[in-house]
Amino acid sequence: VERARRHNRPIAALRFLPDLSTCLA
């Protein structure tokens, strides 16, 4: 975030969150 701010750039997050059981499998 700080690097983006220093360069006056937007910063977007893509949030992927599968179920824990899927991650473990």
PDB file of all heavy atoms in Angstrom:
ATOM      1  N   VAL A   1       0.844  -1.197   0.000  1.00  0.00           N
ATOM      2  CA  VAL A   1       0.000   0.000   0.000  1.00  0.00           C
ATOM      3  C   VAL A   1       0.881   1.250   0.000  1.00  0.00           C
ATOM      4  O   VAL A   1       0.632   2.206  -0.747  1.00  0.00           O
ATOM      5  CB  VAL A   1      -0.964  -0.010   1.207  1.00  0.00           C
ATOM      6  CG1 VAL A   1      -1.650   1.335   1.374  1.00  0.00           C
ATOM      7  CG2 VAL A   1      -2.005  -1.117   1.041  1.00  0.00           C
ATOM      8  N   GLU A   2       1.917   1.248   0.811  1.00  0.00           N
ATOM      9  CA  GLU A   2       2.824   2.400   0.884  1.00  0.00           C
ATOM     10  C   GLU A   2       3.513   2.650  -0.456  1.00  0.00           C
ATOM     11  O   GLU A   2       3.642   3.797  -0.892  1.00  0.00           O
ATOM     12  CB  GLU A   2       3.858   2.195   1.983  1.00  0.00           C
ATOM     13  CG  GLU A   2       4.878   3.312   2.090  1.00  0.00           C
ATOM     14  CD  GLU A   2       4.287   4.698   2.242  1.00  0.00           C
ATOM     15  OE1 GLU A   2       3.201   4.834   2.856  1.00  0.00           O
ATOM     16  OE2 GLU A   2       4.900   5.665   1.738  1.00  0.00           O
ATOM     17  N   ARG A   3       3.942   1.606  -1.109  1.00  0.00           N
ATOM     18  CA  ARG A   3       4.588   1.771  -2.422  1.00  0.00           C
ATOM     19  C   ARG A   3       3.617   2.389  -3.434  1.00  0.00           C
ATOM     20  O   ARG A   3       3.992   3.258  -4.213  1.00  0.00           O
ATOM     21  CB  ARG A   3       5.091   0.433  -2.943  1.00  0.00           C
ATOM     22  CG  ARG A   3       6.294  -0.072  -2.194  1.00  0.00           C
ATOM     23  CD  ARG A   3       6.696  -1.423  -2.715  1.00  0.00           C
ATOM     24  NE  ARG A   3       7.705  -2.016  -1.876  1.00  0.00           N
ATOM     25  CZ  ARG A   3       8.662  -2.796  -2.325  1.00  0.00           C
ATOM     26  NH1 ARG A   3       8.722  -3.099  -3.603  1.00  0.00           N
ATOM     27  NH2 ARG A   3       9.542  -3.300  -1.499  1.00  0.00           N
ATOM     28  N   ALA A   4       2.378   1.925  -3.428  1.00  0.00           N
ATOM     29  CA  ALA A   4       1.379   2.487  -4.345  1.00  0.00           C
ATOM     30  C   ALA A   4       1.144   3.964  -4.028  1.00  0.00           C
ATOM     31  O   ALA A   4       1.057   4.795  -4.937  1.00  0.00           O
ATOM     32  CB  ALA A   4       0.079   1.690  -4.254  1.00  0.00           C
ATOM     33  N   ARG A   5       1.041   4.295  -2.747  1.00  0.00           N
ATOM     34  CA  ARG A   5       0.831   5.691  -2.348  1.00  0.00           C
ATOM     35  C   ARG A   5       1.973   6.582  -2.804  1.00  0.00           C
ATOM     36  O   ARG A   5       1.746   7.699  -3.273  1.00  0.00           O
ATOM     37  CB  ARG A   5       0.699   5.785  -0.830  1.00  0.00           C
ATOM     38  CG  ARG A   5      -0.656   5.448  -0.320  1.00  0.00           C
ATOM     39  CD  ARG A   5      -0.733   5.795   1.150  1.00  0.00           C
ATOM     40  NE  ARG A   5      -1.991   5.323   1.682  1.00  0.00           N
ATOM     41  CZ  ARG A   5      -2.161   4.835   2.885  1.00  0.00           C
ATOM     42  NH1 ARG A   5      -1.141   4.755   3.721  1.00  0.00           N
ATOM     43  NH2 ARG A   5      -3.337   4.438   3.293  1.00  0.00           N
ATOM     44  N   ARG A   6       3.209   6.102  -2.631  1.00  0.00           N
ATOM     45  CA  ARG A   6       4.382   6.892  -3.023  1.00  0.00           C
ATOM     46  C   ARG A   6       4.343   7.256  -4.506  1.00  0.00           C
ATOM     47  O   ARG A   6       4.861   8.290  -4.909  1.00  0.00           O
ATOM     48  CB  ARG A   6       5.667   6.119  -2.751  1.00  0.00           C
ATOM     49  CG  ARG A   6       6.296   6.451  -1.438  1.00  0.00           C
ATOM     50  CD  ARG A   6       7.621   5.788  -1.339  1.00  0.00           C
ATOM     51  NE  ARG A   6       7.376   4.344  -1.453  1.00  0.00           N
ATOM     52  CZ  ARG A   6       8.228   3.403  -1.156  1.00  0.00           C
ATOM     53  NH1 ARG A   6       9.430   3.703  -0.765  1.00  0.00           N
ATOM     54  NH2 ARG A   6       7.916   2.140  -1.258  1.00  0.00           N
ATOM     55  N   HIS A   7       3.733   6.396  -5.305  1.00  0.00           N
ATOM     56  CA  HIS A   7       3.668   6.620  -6.750  1.00  0.00           C
ATOM     57  C   HIS A   7       2.292   7.122  -7.186  1.00  0.00           C
ATOM     58  O   HIS A   7       1.994   7.154  -8.380  1.00  0.00           O
ATOM     59  CB  HIS A   7       4.034   5.337  -7.501  1.00  0.00           C
ATOM     60  CG  HIS A   7       5.459   4.938  -7.290  1.00  0.00           C
ATOM     61  ND1 HIS A   7       6.505   5.549  -7.928  1.00  0.00           N
ATOM     62  CD2 HIS A   7       6.014   4.011  -6.477  1.00  0.00           C
ATOM     63  CE1 HIS A   7       7.644   5.011  -7.542  1.00  0.00           C
ATOM     64  NE2 HIS A   7       7.371   4.070  -6.655  1.00  0.00           N
ATOM     65  N   ASN A   8       1.472   7.525  -6.218  1.00  0.00           N
ATOM     66  CA  ASN A   8       0.133   8.045  -6.528  1.00  0.00           C
ATOM     67  C   ASN A   8      -0.692   7.086  -7.371  1.00  0.00           C
ATOM     68  O   ASN A   8      -1.360   7.493  -8.310  1.00  0.00           O
ATOM     69  CB  ASN A   8       0.247   9.379  -7.254  1.00  0.00           C
ATOM     70  CG  ASN A   8      -0.194  10.521  -6.393  1.00  0.00           C
ATOM     71  OD1 ASN A   8      -0.699  10.320  -5.292  1.00  0.00           O
ATOM     72  ND2 ASN A   8       0.006  11.717  -6.892  1.00  0.00           N
ATOM     73  N   ARG A   9      -0.627   5.800  -7.037  1.00  0.00           N
ATOM     74  CA  ARG A   9      -1.321   4.774  -7.805  1.00  0.00           C
ATOM     75  C   ARG A   9      -2.416   4.138  -6.958  1.00  0.00           C
ATOM     76  O   ARG A   9      -2.250   3.967  -5.745  1.00  0.00           O
ATOM     77  CB  ARG A   9      -0.338   3.677  -8.249  1.00  0.00           C
ATOM     78  CG  ARG A   9       0.863   4.169  -9.053  1.00  0.00           C
ATOM     79  CD  ARG A   9       0.490   4.756 -10.377  1.00  0.00           C
ATOM     80  NE  ARG A   9      -0.137   3.720 -11.179  1.00  0.00           N
ATOM     81  CZ  ARG A   9      -1.013   3.945 -12.142  1.00  0.00           C
ATOM     82  NH1 ARG A   9      -1.338   5.159 -12.456  1.00  0.00           N
ATOM     83  NH2 ARG A   9      -1.535   2.956 -12.810  1.00  0.00           N
ATOM     84  N   PRO A  10      -3.524   3.761  -7.569  1.00  0.00           N
ATOM     85  CA  PRO A  10      -4.536   2.997  -6.828  1.00  0.00           C
ATOM     86  C   PRO A  10      -4.008   1.596  -6.549  1.00  0.00           C
ATOM     87  O   PRO A  10      -3.115   1.107  -7.241  1.00  0.00           O
ATOM     88  CB  PRO A  10      -5.725   2.961  -7.796  1.00  0.00           C
ATOM     89  CG  PRO A  10      -5.118   3.124  -9.150  1.00  0.00           C
ATOM     90  CD  PRO A  10      -3.882   3.974  -8.971  1.00  0.00           C
ATOM     91  N   ILE A  11      -4.572   0.972  -5.526  1.00  0.00           N
ATOM     92  CA  ILE A  11      -4.184  -0.411  -5.206  1.00  0.00           C
ATOM     93  C   ILE A  11      -5.440  -1.197  -4.854  1.00  0.00           C
ATOM     94  O   ILE A  11      -6.178  -0.843  -3.933  1.00  0.00           O
ATOM     95  CB  ILE A  11      -3.118  -0.475  -4.095  1.00  0.00           C
ATOM     96  CG1 ILE A  11      -2.681  -1.917  -3.846  1.00  0.00           C
ATOM     97  CG2 ILE A  11      -3.560   0.240  -2.840  1.00  0.00           C
ATOM     98  CD1 ILE A  11      -1.414  -2.056  -3.028  1.00  0.00           C
ATOM     99  N   ALA A  12      -5.709  -2.214  -5.629  1.00  0.00           N
ATOM    100  CA  ALA A  12      -6.905  -3.034  -5.442  1.00  0.00           C
ATOM    101  C   ALA A  12      -6.511  -4.418  -4.946  1.00  0.00           C
ATOM    102  O   ALA A  12      -5.493  -4.967  -5.350  1.00  0.00           O
ATOM    103  CB  ALA A  12      -7.677  -3.158  -6.754  1.00  0.00           C
ATOM    104  N   ALA A  13      -7.324  -4.961  -4.060  1.00  0.00           N
ATOM    105  CA  ALA A  13      -7.112  -6.319  -3.553  1.00  0.00           C
ATOM    106  C   ALA A  13      -8.155  -7.244  -4.171  1.00  0.00           C
ATOM    107  O   ALA A  13      -9.339  -6.894  -4.237  1.00  0.00           O
ATOM    108  CB  ALA A  13      -7.237  -6.344  -2.033  1.00  0.00           C
ATOM    109  N   LEU A  14      -7.702  -8.394  -4.611  1.00  0.00           N
ATOM    110  CA  LEU A  14      -8.617  -9.460  -5.028  1.00  0.00           C
ATOM    111  C   LEU A  14      -8.636 -10.452  -3.889  1.00  0.00           C
ATOM    112  O   LEU A  14      -7.597 -11.002  -3.514  1.00  0.00           O
ATOM    113  CB  LEU A  14      -8.128 -10.133  -6.312  1.00  0.00           C
ATOM    114  CG  LEU A  14      -8.007  -9.238  -7.530  1.00  0.00           C
ATOM    115  CD1 LEU A  14      -7.509 -10.044  -8.720  1.00  0.00           C
ATOM    116  CD2 LEU A  14      -9.331  -8.577  -7.855  1.00  0.00           C
ATOM    117  N   ARG A  15      -9.799 -10.689  -3.333  1.00  0.00           N
ATOM    118  CA  ARG A  15      -9.930 -11.530  -2.141  1.00  0.00           C
ATOM    119  C   ARG A  15     -10.519 -12.880  -2.533  1.00  0.00           C
ATOM    120  O   ARG A  15     -11.685 -12.986  -2.885  1.00  0.00           O
ATOM    121  CB  ARG A  15     -10.822 -10.821  -1.128  1.00  0.00           C
ATOM    122  CG  ARG A  15     -10.840 -11.431   0.220  1.00  0.00           C
ATOM    123  CD  ARG A  15     -11.568 -10.488   1.201  1.00  0.00           C
ATOM    124  NE  ARG A  15     -11.577 -11.050   2.522  1.00  0.00           N
ATOM    125  CZ  ARG A  15     -12.575 -11.776   3.017  1.00  0.00           C
ATOM    126  NH1 ARG A  15     -13.652 -11.997   2.285  1.00  0.00           N
ATOM    127  NH2 ARG A  15     -12.502 -12.275   4.224  1.00  0.00           N
ATOM    128  N   PHE A  16      -9.680 -13.908  -2.467  1.00  0.00           N
ATOM    129  CA  PHE A  16     -10.090 -15.291  -2.726  1.00  0.00           C
ATOM    130  C   PHE A  16     -10.130 -15.988  -1.373  1.00  0.00           C
ATOM    131  O   PHE A  16      -9.138 -15.965  -0.650  1.00  0.00           O
ATOM    132  CB  PHE A  16      -9.047 -16.019  -3.579  1.00  0.00           C
ATOM    133  CG  PHE A  16      -8.846 -15.447  -4.945  1.00  0.00           C
ATOM    134  CD1 PHE A  16      -8.033 -14.339  -5.143  1.00  0.00           C
ATOM    135  CD2 PHE A  16      -9.455 -16.027  -6.045  1.00  0.00           C
ATOM    136  CE1 PHE A  16      -7.826 -13.825  -6.409  1.00  0.00           C
ATOM    137  CE2 PHE A  16      -9.251 -15.513  -7.315  1.00  0.00           C
ATOM    138  CZ  PHE A  16      -8.435 -14.410  -7.500  1.00  0.00           C
ATOM    139  N   LEU A  17     -11.231 -16.617  -1.038  1.00  0.00           N
ATOM    140  CA  LEU A  17     -11.279 -17.283   0.259  1.00  0.00           C
ATOM    141  C   LEU A  17     -12.113 -18.560   0.182  1.00  0.00           C
ATOM    142  O   LEU A  17     -13.275 -18.592   0.554  1.00  0.00           O
ATOM    143  CB  LEU A  17     -11.840 -16.352   1.332  1.00  0.00           C
ATOM    144  CG  LEU A  17     -11.675 -16.848   2.757  1.00  0.00           C
ATOM    145  CD1 LEU A  17     -10.199 -17.041   3.115  1.00  0.00           C
ATOM    146  CD2 LEU A  17     -12.304 -15.876   3.730  1.00  0.00           C
ATOM    147  N   PRO A  18     -11.508 -19.650  -0.312  1.00  0.00           N
ATOM    148  CA  PRO A  18     -12.234 -20.927  -0.304  1.00  0.00           C
ATOM    149  C   PRO A  18     -12.378 -21.444   1.124  1.00  0.00           C
ATOM    150  O   PRO A  18     -11.679 -20.981   2.034  1.00  0.00           O
ATOM    151  CB  PRO A  18     -11.341 -21.846  -1.143  1.00  0.00           C
ATOM    152  CG  PRO A  18      -9.996 -21.223  -1.128  1.00  0.00           C
ATOM    153  CD  PRO A  18     -10.177 -19.756  -0.874  1.00  0.00           C
ATOM    154  N   ASP A  19     -13.265 -22.384   1.312  1.00  0.00           N
ATOM    155  CA  ASP A  19     -13.431 -23.008   2.628  1.00  0.00           C
ATOM    156  C   ASP A  19     -12.127 -23.652   3.063  1.00  0.00           C
ATOM    157  O   ASP A  19     -11.352 -24.147   2.239  1.00  0.00           O
ATOM    158  CB  ASP A  19     -14.512 -24.095   2.580  1.00  0.00           C
ATOM    159  CG  ASP A  19     -15.904 -23.533   2.360  1.00  0.00           C
ATOM    160  OD1 ASP A  19     -16.176 -22.417   2.820  1.00  0.00           O
ATOM    161  OD2 ASP A  19     -16.700 -24.234   1.709  1.00  0.00           O
ATOM    162  N   LEU A  20     -11.901 -23.675   4.375  1.00  0.00           N
ATOM    163  CA  LEU A  20     -10.697 -24.301   4.908  1.00  0.00           C
ATOM    164  C   LEU A  20     -10.620 -25.764   4.491  1.00  0.00           C
ATOM    165  O   LEU A  20      -9.545 -26.255   4.134  1.00  0.00           O
ATOM    166  CB  LEU A  20     -10.649 -24.172   6.433  1.00  0.00           C
ATOM    167  CG  LEU A  20      -9.459 -24.821   7.114  1.00  0.00           C
ATOM    168  CD1 LEU A  20      -8.144 -24.260   6.580  1.00  0.00           C
ATOM    169  CD2 LEU A  20      -9.559 -24.648   8.618  1.00  0.00           C
ATOM    170  N   SER A  21     -11.755 -26.459   4.484  1.00  0.00           N
ATOM    171  CA  SER A  21     -11.745 -27.874   4.091  1.00  0.00           C
ATOM    172  C   SER A  21     -11.267 -28.041   2.646  1.00  0.00           C
ATOM    173  O   SER A  21     -10.538 -28.984   2.330  1.00  0.00           O
ATOM    174  CB  SER A  21     -13.125 -28.502   4.281  1.00  0.00           C
ATOM    175  OG  SER A  21     -14.085 -27.825   3.499  1.00  0.00           O
ATOM    176  N   THR A  22     -11.636 -27.125   1.769  1.00  0.00           N
ATOM    177  CA  THR A  22     -11.171 -27.155   0.378  1.00  0.00           C
ATOM    178  C   THR A  22      -9.666 -26.935   0.323  1.00  0.00           C
ATOM    179  O   THR A  22      -8.944 -27.641  -0.406  1.00  0.00           O
ATOM    180  CB  THR A  22     -11.899 -26.080  -0.450  1.00  0.00           C
ATOM    181  OG1 THR A  22     -13.301 -26.336  -0.416  1.00  0.00           O
ATOM    182  CG2 THR A  22     -11.418 -26.071  -1.891  1.00  0.00           C
ATOM    183  N   CYS A  23      -9.171 -25.973   1.096  1.00  0.00           N
ATOM    184  CA  CYS A  23      -7.725 -25.698   1.125  1.00  0.00           C
ATOM    185  C   CYS A  23      -6.954 -26.921   1.619  1.00  0.00           C
ATOM    186  O   CYS A  23      -5.924 -27.285   1.031  1.00  0.00           O
ATOM    187  CB  CYS A  23      -7.433 -24.509   2.038  1.00  0.00           C
ATOM    188  SG  CYS A  23      -8.122 -22.947   1.449  1.00  0.00           S
ATOM    189  N   LEU A  24      -7.443 -27.535   2.681  1.00  0.00           N
ATOM    190  CA  LEU A  24      -6.757 -28.711   3.230  1.00  0.00           C
ATOM    191  C   LEU A  24      -6.770 -29.874   2.241  1.00  0.00           C
ATOM    192  O   LEU A  24      -5.765 -30.568   2.073  1.00  0.00           O
ATOM    193  CB  LEU A  24      -7.386 -29.121   4.563  1.00  0.00           C
ATOM    194  CG  LEU A  24      -7.162 -28.142   5.725  1.00  0.00           C
ATOM    195  CD1 LEU A  24      -8.076 -28.471   6.886  1.00  0.00           C
ATOM    196  CD2 LEU A  24      -5.702 -28.139   6.152  1.00  0.00           C
ATOM    197  N   ALA A  25      -7.902 -30.074   1.572  1.00  0.00           N
ATOM    198  CA  ALA A  25      -7.998 -31.168   0.592  1.00  0.00           C
ATOM    199  C   ALA A  25      -7.069 -30.934  -0.592  1.00  0.00           C
ATOM    200  O   ALA A  25      -6.375 -31.855  -1.036  1.00  0.00           O
ATOM    201  CB  ALA A  25      -9.445 -31.315   0.115  1.00  0.00           C
TER     202      ALA A  25
END
